Amino acid sequence: AAASALVPAELRIPPQDREAFRARAMEIADR
């Protein structure tokens, strides 16, 4: 969803923020 073209652009995670978003999502999922 973070980068999906199916989601309106204003709701997507900006490209420059995606790595941090992915890392945080992975950390939470690993708890």
Full PDB file with SEQRES, HELIX, SHEET, SSBOND, CRYST1, ORIGX, SCALE, CONECT and MASTER records, all heavy atoms in Angstrom:
SEQRES   1 A   31  ALA ALA ALA SER ALA LEU VAL PRO ALA GLU LEU ARG ILE          
SEQRES   2 A   31  PRO PRO GLN ASP ARG GLU ALA PHE ARG ALA ARG ALA MET          
SEQRES   3 A   31  GLU ILE ALA ASP ARG                                          
HELIX    1 AA1 ALA A    9  LEU A   11  5                                   3    
HELIX    2 AA2 PRO A   15  ASP A   17  5                                   3    
HELIX    3 AA3 ARG A   18  ALA A   29  1                                  12    
CRYST1    1.000    1.000    1.000  90.00  90.00  90.00 P 1           1          
ORIGX1      1.000000  0.000000  0.000000        0.00000                         
ORIGX2      0.000000  1.000000  0.000000        0.00000                         
ORIGX3      0.000000  0.000000  1.000000        0.00000                         
SCALE1      1.000000  0.000000  0.000000        0.00000                         
SCALE2      0.000000  1.000000  0.000000        0.00000                         
SCALE3      0.000000  0.000000  1.000000        0.00000                         
ATOM      1  N   ALA A   1       0.820  -1.215   0.000  1.00  0.00           N  
ATOM      2  CA  ALA A   1       0.000   0.000   0.000  1.00  0.00           C  
ATOM      3  C   ALA A   1       0.853   1.265   0.000  1.00  0.00           C  
ATOM      4  O   ALA A   1       0.475   2.269  -0.609  1.00  0.00           O  
ATOM      5  CB  ALA A   1      -0.930   0.004   1.220  1.00  0.00           C  
ATOM      6  N   ALA A   2       2.000   1.222   0.661  1.00  0.00           N  
ATOM      7  CA  ALA A   2       2.839   2.412   0.818  1.00  0.00           C  
ATOM      8  C   ALA A   2       3.173   3.085  -0.505  1.00  0.00           C  
ATOM      9  O   ALA A   2       3.293   4.315  -0.569  1.00  0.00           O  
ATOM     10  CB  ALA A   2       4.124   2.053   1.559  1.00  0.00           C  
ATOM     11  N   ALA A   3       3.303   2.292  -1.572  1.00  0.00           N  
ATOM     12  CA  ALA A   3       3.688   2.843  -2.876  1.00  0.00           C  
ATOM     13  C   ALA A   3       2.699   2.486  -3.977  1.00  0.00           C  
ATOM     14  O   ALA A   3       2.960   2.746  -5.143  1.00  0.00           O  
ATOM     15  CB  ALA A   3       5.073   2.341  -3.245  1.00  0.00           C  
ATOM     16  N   SER A   4       1.578   1.900  -3.626  1.00  0.00           N  
ATOM     17  CA  SER A   4       0.631   1.391  -4.617  1.00  0.00           C  
ATOM     18  C   SER A   4      -0.039   2.500  -5.423  1.00  0.00           C  
ATOM     19  O   SER A   4      -0.559   3.471  -4.869  1.00  0.00           O  
ATOM     20  CB  SER A   4      -0.449   0.557  -3.911  1.00  0.00           C  
ATOM     21  OG  SER A   4      -1.423   0.137  -4.846  1.00  0.00           O  
ATOM     22  N   ALA A   5      -0.075   2.305  -6.718  1.00  0.00           N  
ATOM     23  CA  ALA A   5      -0.783   3.235  -7.602  1.00  0.00           C  
ATOM     24  C   ALA A   5      -2.293   3.142  -7.386  1.00  0.00           C  
ATOM     25  O   ALA A   5      -3.031   4.009  -7.861  1.00  0.00           O  
ATOM     26  CB  ALA A   5      -0.435   2.938  -9.056  1.00  0.00           C  
ATOM     27  N   LEU A   6      -2.751   2.128  -6.667  1.00  0.00           N  
ATOM     28  CA  LEU A   6      -4.174   1.983  -6.372  1.00  0.00           C  
ATOM     29  C   LEU A   6      -4.632   2.929  -5.257  1.00  0.00           C  
ATOM     30  O   LEU A   6      -5.825   3.096  -5.035  1.00  0.00           O  
ATOM     31  CB  LEU A   6      -4.492   0.537  -5.982  1.00  0.00           C  
ATOM     32  CG  LEU A   6      -4.194  -0.510  -7.051  1.00  0.00           C  
ATOM     33  CD1 LEU A   6      -4.408  -1.912  -6.499  1.00  0.00           C  
ATOM     34  CD2 LEU A   6      -5.062  -0.279  -8.276  1.00  0.00           C  
ATOM     35  N   VAL A   7      -3.657   3.511  -4.569  1.00  0.00           N  
ATOM     36  CA  VAL A   7      -3.939   4.426  -3.465  1.00  0.00           C  
ATOM     37  C   VAL A   7      -3.706   5.848  -3.967  1.00  0.00           C  
ATOM     38  O   VAL A   7      -2.731   6.100  -4.681  1.00  0.00           O  
ATOM     39  CB  VAL A   7      -2.977   4.113  -2.278  1.00  0.00           C  
ATOM     40  CG1 VAL A   7      -3.114   5.137  -1.177  1.00  0.00           C  
ATOM     41  CG2 VAL A   7      -3.227   2.710  -1.742  1.00  0.00           C  
ATOM     42  N   PRO A   8      -4.584   6.795  -3.625  1.00  0.00           N  
ATOM     43  CA  PRO A   8      -4.348   8.180  -4.048  1.00  0.00           C  
ATOM     44  C   PRO A   8      -2.948   8.659  -3.648  1.00  0.00           C  
ATOM     45  O   PRO A   8      -2.465   8.354  -2.551  1.00  0.00           O  
ATOM     46  CB  PRO A   8      -5.436   8.970  -3.308  1.00  0.00           C  
ATOM     47  CG  PRO A   8      -6.530   7.973  -3.074  1.00  0.00           C  
ATOM     48  CD  PRO A   8      -5.816   6.658  -2.833  1.00  0.00           C  
ATOM     49  N   ALA A   9      -2.317   9.389  -4.537  1.00  0.00           N  
ATOM     50  CA  ALA A   9      -0.929   9.831  -4.334  1.00  0.00           C  
ATOM     51  C   ALA A   9      -0.720  10.532  -2.995  1.00  0.00           C  
ATOM     52  O   ALA A   9       0.309  10.344  -2.339  1.00  0.00           O  
ATOM     53  CB  ALA A   9      -0.495  10.734  -5.486  1.00  0.00           C  
ATOM     54  N   GLU A  10      -1.690  11.329  -2.574  1.00  0.00           N  
ATOM     55  CA  GLU A  10      -1.524  12.077  -1.326  1.00  0.00           C  
ATOM     56  C   GLU A  10      -1.529  11.183  -0.080  1.00  0.00           C  
ATOM     57  O   GLU A  10      -1.120  11.613   0.995  1.00  0.00           O  
ATOM     58  CB  GLU A  10      -2.582  13.184  -1.195  1.00  0.00           C  
ATOM     59  CG  GLU A  10      -4.007  12.697  -1.045  1.00  0.00           C  
ATOM     60  CD  GLU A  10      -4.731  12.441  -2.373  1.00  0.00           C  
ATOM     61  OE1 GLU A  10      -4.084  12.463  -3.441  1.00  0.00           O  
ATOM     62  OE2 GLU A  10      -5.946  12.205  -2.326  1.00  0.00           O  
ATOM     63  N   LEU A  11      -1.974   9.943  -0.225  1.00  0.00           N  
ATOM     64  CA  LEU A  11      -1.984   9.005   0.907  1.00  0.00           C  
ATOM     65  C   LEU A  11      -0.762   8.091   0.909  1.00  0.00           C  
ATOM     66  O   LEU A  11      -0.452   7.485   1.943  1.00  0.00           O  
ATOM     67  CB  LEU A  11      -3.259   8.155   0.885  1.00  0.00           C  
ATOM     68  CG  LEU A  11      -4.564   8.925   1.052  1.00  0.00           C  
ATOM     69  CD1 LEU A  11      -5.752   7.973   0.967  1.00  0.00           C  
ATOM     70  CD2 LEU A  11      -4.581   9.702   2.360  1.00  0.00           C  
ATOM     71  N   ARG A  12      -0.095   7.961  -0.221  1.00  0.00           N  
ATOM     72  CA  ARG A  12       1.087   7.094  -0.309  1.00  0.00           C  
ATOM     73  C   ARG A  12       2.227   7.660   0.526  1.00  0.00           C  
ATOM     74  O   ARG A  12       2.308   8.860   0.762  1.00  0.00           O  
ATOM     75  CB  ARG A  12       1.565   6.978  -1.758  1.00  0.00           C  
ATOM     76  CG  ARG A  12       0.634   6.216  -2.623  1.00  0.00           C  
ATOM     77  CD  ARG A  12       1.206   6.089  -4.032  1.00  0.00           C  
ATOM     78  NE  ARG A  12       0.099   6.265  -4.956  1.00  0.00           N  
ATOM     79  CZ  ARG A  12       0.162   6.848  -6.130  1.00  0.00           C  
ATOM     80  NH1 ARG A  12       1.308   7.301  -6.587  1.00  0.00           N  
ATOM     81  NH2 ARG A  12      -0.905   6.950  -6.873  1.00  0.00           N  
ATOM     82  N   ILE A  13       3.114   6.770   0.930  1.00  0.00           N  
ATOM     83  CA  ILE A  13       4.316   7.197   1.639  1.00  0.00           C  
ATOM     84  C   ILE A  13       5.250   7.811   0.597  1.00  0.00           C  
ATOM     85  O   ILE A  13       5.542   7.171  -0.417  1.00  0.00           O  
ATOM     86  CB  ILE A  13       4.989   6.003   2.352  1.00  0.00           C  
ATOM     87  CG1 ILE A  13       3.997   5.296   3.288  1.00  0.00           C  
ATOM     88  CG2 ILE A  13       6.247   6.463   3.103  1.00  0.00           C  
ATOM     89  CD1 ILE A  13       3.346   6.167   4.341  1.00  0.00           C  
ATOM     90  N   PRO A  14       5.718   9.039   0.810  1.00  0.00           N  
ATOM     91  CA  PRO A  14       6.606   9.664  -0.175  1.00  0.00           C  
ATOM     92  C   PRO A  14       7.866   8.815  -0.394  1.00  0.00           C  
ATOM     93  O   PRO A  14       8.368   8.196   0.552  1.00  0.00           O  
ATOM     94  CB  PRO A  14       6.965  11.016   0.465  1.00  0.00           C  
ATOM     95  CG  PRO A  14       5.886  11.271   1.465  1.00  0.00           C  
ATOM     96  CD  PRO A  14       5.442   9.910   1.946  1.00  0.00           C  
ATOM     97  N   PRO A  15       8.371   8.783  -1.620  1.00  0.00           N  
ATOM     98  CA  PRO A  15       9.543   7.944  -1.926  1.00  0.00           C  
ATOM     99  C   PRO A  15      10.712   8.155  -0.962  1.00  0.00           C  
ATOM    100  O   PRO A  15      11.342   7.183  -0.546  1.00  0.00           O  
ATOM    101  CB  PRO A  15       9.919   8.354  -3.353  1.00  0.00           C  
ATOM    102  CG  PRO A  15       8.633   8.825  -3.947  1.00  0.00           C  
ATOM    103  CD  PRO A  15       7.883   9.488  -2.817  1.00  0.00           C  
ATOM    104  N   GLN A  16      10.976   9.391  -0.587  1.00  0.00           N  
ATOM    105  CA  GLN A  16      12.114   9.660   0.300  1.00  0.00           C  
ATOM    106  C   GLN A  16      11.880   9.137   1.719  1.00  0.00           C  
ATOM    107  O   GLN A  16      12.827   9.004   2.487  1.00  0.00           O  
ATOM    108  CB  GLN A  16      12.455  11.158   0.314  1.00  0.00           C  
ATOM    109  CG  GLN A  16      11.410  12.043   0.971  1.00  0.00           C  
ATOM    110  CD  GLN A  16      10.293  12.502   0.028  1.00  0.00           C  
ATOM    111  OE1 GLN A  16      10.105  11.952  -1.053  1.00  0.00           O  
ATOM    112  NE2 GLN A  16       9.547  13.519   0.452  1.00  0.00           N  
ATOM    113  N   ASP A  17      10.636   8.808   2.070  1.00  0.00           N  
ATOM    114  CA  ASP A  17      10.315   8.310   3.419  1.00  0.00           C  
ATOM    115  C   ASP A  17      10.072   6.803   3.458  1.00  0.00           C  
ATOM    116  O   ASP A  17       9.871   6.239   4.536  1.00  0.00           O  
ATOM    117  CB  ASP A  17       9.061   9.017   3.949  1.00  0.00           C  
ATOM    118  CG  ASP A  17       9.258  10.515   4.112  1.00  0.00           C  
ATOM    119  OD1 ASP A  17      10.423  10.966   4.216  1.00  0.00           O  
ATOM    120  OD2 ASP A  17       8.241  11.233   4.132  1.00  0.00           O  
ATOM    121  N   ARG A  18      10.077   6.150   2.311  1.00  0.00           N  
ATOM    122  CA  ARG A  18       9.690   4.731   2.273  1.00  0.00           C  
ATOM    123  C   ARG A  18      10.655   3.807   2.995  1.00  0.00           C  
ATOM    124  O   ARG A  18      10.228   2.848   3.629  1.00  0.00           O  
ATOM    125  CB  ARG A  18       9.480   4.279   0.830  1.00  0.00           C  
ATOM    126  CG  ARG A  18       8.198   4.832   0.265  1.00  0.00           C  
ATOM    127  CD  ARG A  18       7.888   4.311  -1.105  1.00  0.00           C  
ATOM    128  NE  ARG A  18       6.801   5.112  -1.650  1.00  0.00           N  
ATOM    129  CZ  ARG A  18       6.684   5.451  -2.903  1.00  0.00           C  
ATOM    130  NH1 ARG A  18       7.565   5.004  -3.801  1.00  0.00           N  
ATOM    131  NH2 ARG A  18       5.686   6.197  -3.307  1.00  0.00           N  
ATOM    132  N   GLU A  19      11.945   4.067   2.914  1.00  0.00           N  
ATOM    133  CA  GLU A  19      12.898   3.192   3.604  1.00  0.00           C  
ATOM    134  C   GLU A  19      12.694   3.255   5.110  1.00  0.00           C  
ATOM    135  O   GLU A  19      12.673   2.232   5.785  1.00  0.00           O  
ATOM    136  CB  GLU A  19      14.339   3.527   3.221  1.00  0.00           C  
ATOM    137  CG  GLU A  19      15.371   2.690   3.960  1.00  0.00           C  
ATOM    138  CD  GLU A  19      15.160   1.187   3.869  1.00  0.00           C  
ATOM    139  OE1 GLU A  19      14.684   0.693   2.827  1.00  0.00           O  
ATOM    140  OE2 GLU A  19      15.449   0.482   4.851  1.00  0.00           O  
ATOM    141  N   ALA A  20      12.538   4.437   5.651  1.00  0.00           N  
ATOM    142  CA  ALA A  20      12.296   4.574   7.089  1.00  0.00           C  
ATOM    143  C   ALA A  20      10.959   3.940   7.474  1.00  0.00           C  
ATOM    144  O   ALA A  20      10.854   3.272   8.516  1.00  0.00           O  
ATOM    145  CB  ALA A  20      12.327   6.049   7.496  1.00  0.00           C  
ATOM    146  N   PHE A  21       9.949   4.125   6.639  1.00  0.00           N  
ATOM    147  CA  PHE A  21       8.640   3.511   6.878  1.00  0.00           C  
ATOM    148  C   PHE A  21       8.756   1.989   6.880  1.00  0.00           C  
ATOM    149  O   PHE A  21       8.242   1.318   7.776  1.00  0.00           O  
ATOM    150  CB  PHE A  21       7.663   3.978   5.793  1.00  0.00           C  
ATOM    151  CG  PHE A  21       6.266   3.437   5.942  1.00  0.00           C  
ATOM    152  CD1 PHE A  21       5.373   4.024   6.820  1.00  0.00           C  
ATOM    153  CD2 PHE A  21       5.842   2.348   5.192  1.00  0.00           C  
ATOM    154  CE1 PHE A  21       4.082   3.531   6.961  1.00  0.00           C  
ATOM    155  CE2 PHE A  21       4.564   1.845   5.330  1.00  0.00           C  
ATOM    156  CZ  PHE A  21       3.674   2.440   6.214  1.00  0.00           C  
ATOM    157  N   ARG A  22       9.458   1.447   5.879  1.00  0.00           N  
ATOM    158  CA  ARG A  22       9.649  -0.005   5.780  1.00  0.00           C  
ATOM    159  C   ARG A  22      10.405  -0.537   6.995  1.00  0.00           C  
ATOM    160  O   ARG A  22      10.012  -1.541   7.598  1.00  0.00           O  
ATOM    161  CB  ARG A  22      10.407  -0.349   4.493  1.00  0.00           C  
ATOM    162  CG  ARG A  22      10.510  -1.859   4.235  1.00  0.00           C  
ATOM    163  CD  ARG A  22      11.582  -2.177   3.187  1.00  0.00           C  
ATOM    164  NE  ARG A  22      12.915  -1.894   3.684  1.00  0.00           N  
ATOM    165  CZ  ARG A  22      13.580  -2.680   4.515  1.00  0.00           C  
ATOM    166  NH1 ARG A  22      13.055  -3.790   4.961  1.00  0.00           N  
ATOM    167  NH2 ARG A  22      14.780  -2.339   4.922  1.00  0.00           N  
ATOM    168  N   ALA A  23      11.472   0.148   7.386  1.00  0.00           N  
ATOM    169  CA  ALA A  23      12.270  -0.305   8.531  1.00  0.00           C  
ATOM    170  C   ALA A  23      11.431  -0.305   9.807  1.00  0.00           C  
ATOM    171  O   ALA A  23      11.496  -1.259  10.597  1.00  0.00           O  
ATOM    172  CB  ALA A  23      13.500   0.584   8.695  1.00  0.00           C  
ATOM    173  N   ARG A  24      10.645   0.729  10.009  1.00  0.00           N  
ATOM    174  CA  ARG A  24       9.793   0.807  11.207  1.00  0.00           C  
ATOM    175  C   ARG A  24       8.721  -0.286  11.172  1.00  0.00           C  
ATOM    176  O   ARG A  24       8.450  -0.935  12.188  1.00  0.00           O  
ATOM    177  CB  ARG A  24       9.148   2.201  11.281  1.00  0.00           C  
ATOM    178  CG  ARG A  24       8.204   2.377  12.428  1.00  0.00           C  
ATOM    179  CD  ARG A  24       8.931   2.619  13.723  1.00  0.00           C  
ATOM    180  NE  ARG A  24       7.946   2.968  14.745  1.00  0.00           N  
ATOM    181  CZ  ARG A  24       7.906   2.414  15.927  1.00  0.00           C  
ATOM    182  NH1 ARG A  24       8.806   1.536  16.287  1.00  0.00           N  
ATOM    183  NH2 ARG A  24       6.972   2.763  16.795  1.00  0.00           N  
ATOM    184  N   ALA A  25       8.119  -0.497  10.006  1.00  0.00           N  
ATOM    185  CA  ALA A  25       7.100  -1.545   9.880  1.00  0.00           C  
ATOM    186  C   ALA A  25       7.704  -2.917  10.174  1.00  0.00           C  
ATOM    187  O   ALA A  25       7.080  -3.751  10.845  1.00  0.00           O  
ATOM    188  CB  ALA A  25       6.486  -1.515   8.479  1.00  0.00           C  
ATOM    189  N   MET A  26       8.909  -3.169   9.682  1.00  0.00           N  
ATOM    190  CA  MET A  26       9.588  -4.449   9.942  1.00  0.00           C  
ATOM    191  C   MET A  26       9.874  -4.610  11.433  1.00  0.00           C  
ATOM    192  O   MET A  26       9.681  -5.686  11.997  1.00  0.00           O  
ATOM    193  CB  MET A  26      10.903  -4.530   9.159  1.00  0.00           C  
ATOM    194  CG  MET A  26      10.755  -4.572   7.680  1.00  0.00           C  
ATOM    195  SD  MET A  26      10.506  -6.252   7.110  1.00  0.00           S  
ATOM    196  CE  MET A  26      10.458  -5.971   5.352  1.00  0.00           C  
ATOM    197  N   GLU A  27      10.334  -3.549  12.074  1.00  0.00           N  
ATOM    198  CA  GLU A  27      10.666  -3.615  13.498  1.00  0.00           C  
ATOM    199  C   GLU A  27       9.419  -3.944  14.319  1.00  0.00           C  
ATOM    200  O   GLU A  27       9.451  -4.795  15.207  1.00  0.00           O  
ATOM    201  CB  GLU A  27      11.281  -2.278  13.947  1.00  0.00           C  
ATOM    202  CG  GLU A  27      11.700  -2.256  15.419  1.00  0.00           C  
ATOM    203  CD  GLU A  27      10.597  -1.814  16.373  1.00  0.00           C  
ATOM    204  OE1 GLU A  27       9.821  -0.901  16.029  1.00  0.00           O  
ATOM    205  OE2 GLU A  27      10.500  -2.406  17.470  1.00  0.00           O  
ATOM    206  N   ILE A  28       8.313  -3.303  14.004  1.00  0.00           N  
ATOM    207  CA  ILE A  28       7.077  -3.564  14.741  1.00  0.00           C  
ATOM    208  C   ILE A  28       6.580  -4.979  14.473  1.00  0.00           C  
ATOM    209  O   ILE A  28       6.153  -5.680  15.393  1.00  0.00           O  
ATOM    210  CB  ILE A  28       6.008  -2.511  14.383  1.00  0.00           C  
ATOM    211  CG1 ILE A  28       6.438  -1.143  14.921  1.00  0.00           C  
ATOM    212  CG2 ILE A  28       4.638  -2.906  14.931  1.00  0.00           C  
ATOM    213  CD1 ILE A  28       5.644   0.011  14.367  1.00  0.00           C  
ATOM    214  N   ALA A  29       6.657  -5.418  13.229  1.00  0.00           N  
ATOM    215  CA  ALA A  29       6.194  -6.763  12.878  1.00  0.00           C  
ATOM    216  C   ALA A  29       7.035  -7.841  13.542  1.00  0.00           C  
ATOM    217  O   ALA A  29       6.574  -8.963  13.734  1.00  0.00           O  
ATOM    218  CB  ALA A  29       6.211  -6.949  11.363  1.00  0.00           C  
ATOM    219  N   ASP A  30       8.260  -7.497  13.929  1.00  0.00           N  
ATOM    220  CA  ASP A  30       9.181  -8.469  14.529  1.00  0.00           C  
ATOM    221  C   ASP A  30       9.041  -8.544  16.042  1.00  0.00           C  
ATOM    222  O   ASP A  30       9.787  -9.249  16.700  1.00  0.00           O  
ATOM    223  CB  ASP A  30      10.614  -8.103  14.146  1.00  0.00           C  
ATOM    224  CG  ASP A  30      11.529  -9.297  14.115  1.00  0.00           C  
ATOM    225  OD1 ASP A  30      11.054 -10.419  13.848  1.00  0.00           O  
ATOM    226  OD2 ASP A  30      12.739  -9.115  14.357  1.00  0.00           O  
ATOM    227  N   ARG A  31       8.090  -7.825  16.614  1.00  0.00           N  
ATOM    228  CA  ARG A  31       7.882  -7.895  18.061  1.00  0.00           C  
ATOM    229  C   ARG A  31       7.003  -9.081  18.399  1.00  0.00           C  
ATOM    230  O   ARG A  31       6.076  -9.372  17.655  1.00  0.00           O  
ATOM    231  CB  ARG A  31       7.200  -6.616  18.556  1.00  0.00           C  
ATOM    232  CG  ARG A  31       8.053  -5.415  18.436  1.00  0.00           C  
ATOM    233  CD  ARG A  31       7.312  -4.256  19.035  1.00  0.00           C  
ATOM    234  NE  ARG A  31       7.905  -2.989  18.654  1.00  0.00           N  
ATOM    235  CZ  ARG A  31       7.366  -1.813  18.957  1.00  0.00           C  
ATOM    236  NH1 ARG A  31       6.250  -1.759  19.643  1.00  0.00           N  
ATOM    237  NH2 ARG A  31       7.947  -0.717  18.577  1.00  0.00           N  
TER     238      ARG A  31                                                      
MASTER        0    0    0    3    0    0    0    6  237    1    0    3          
END                                                                             
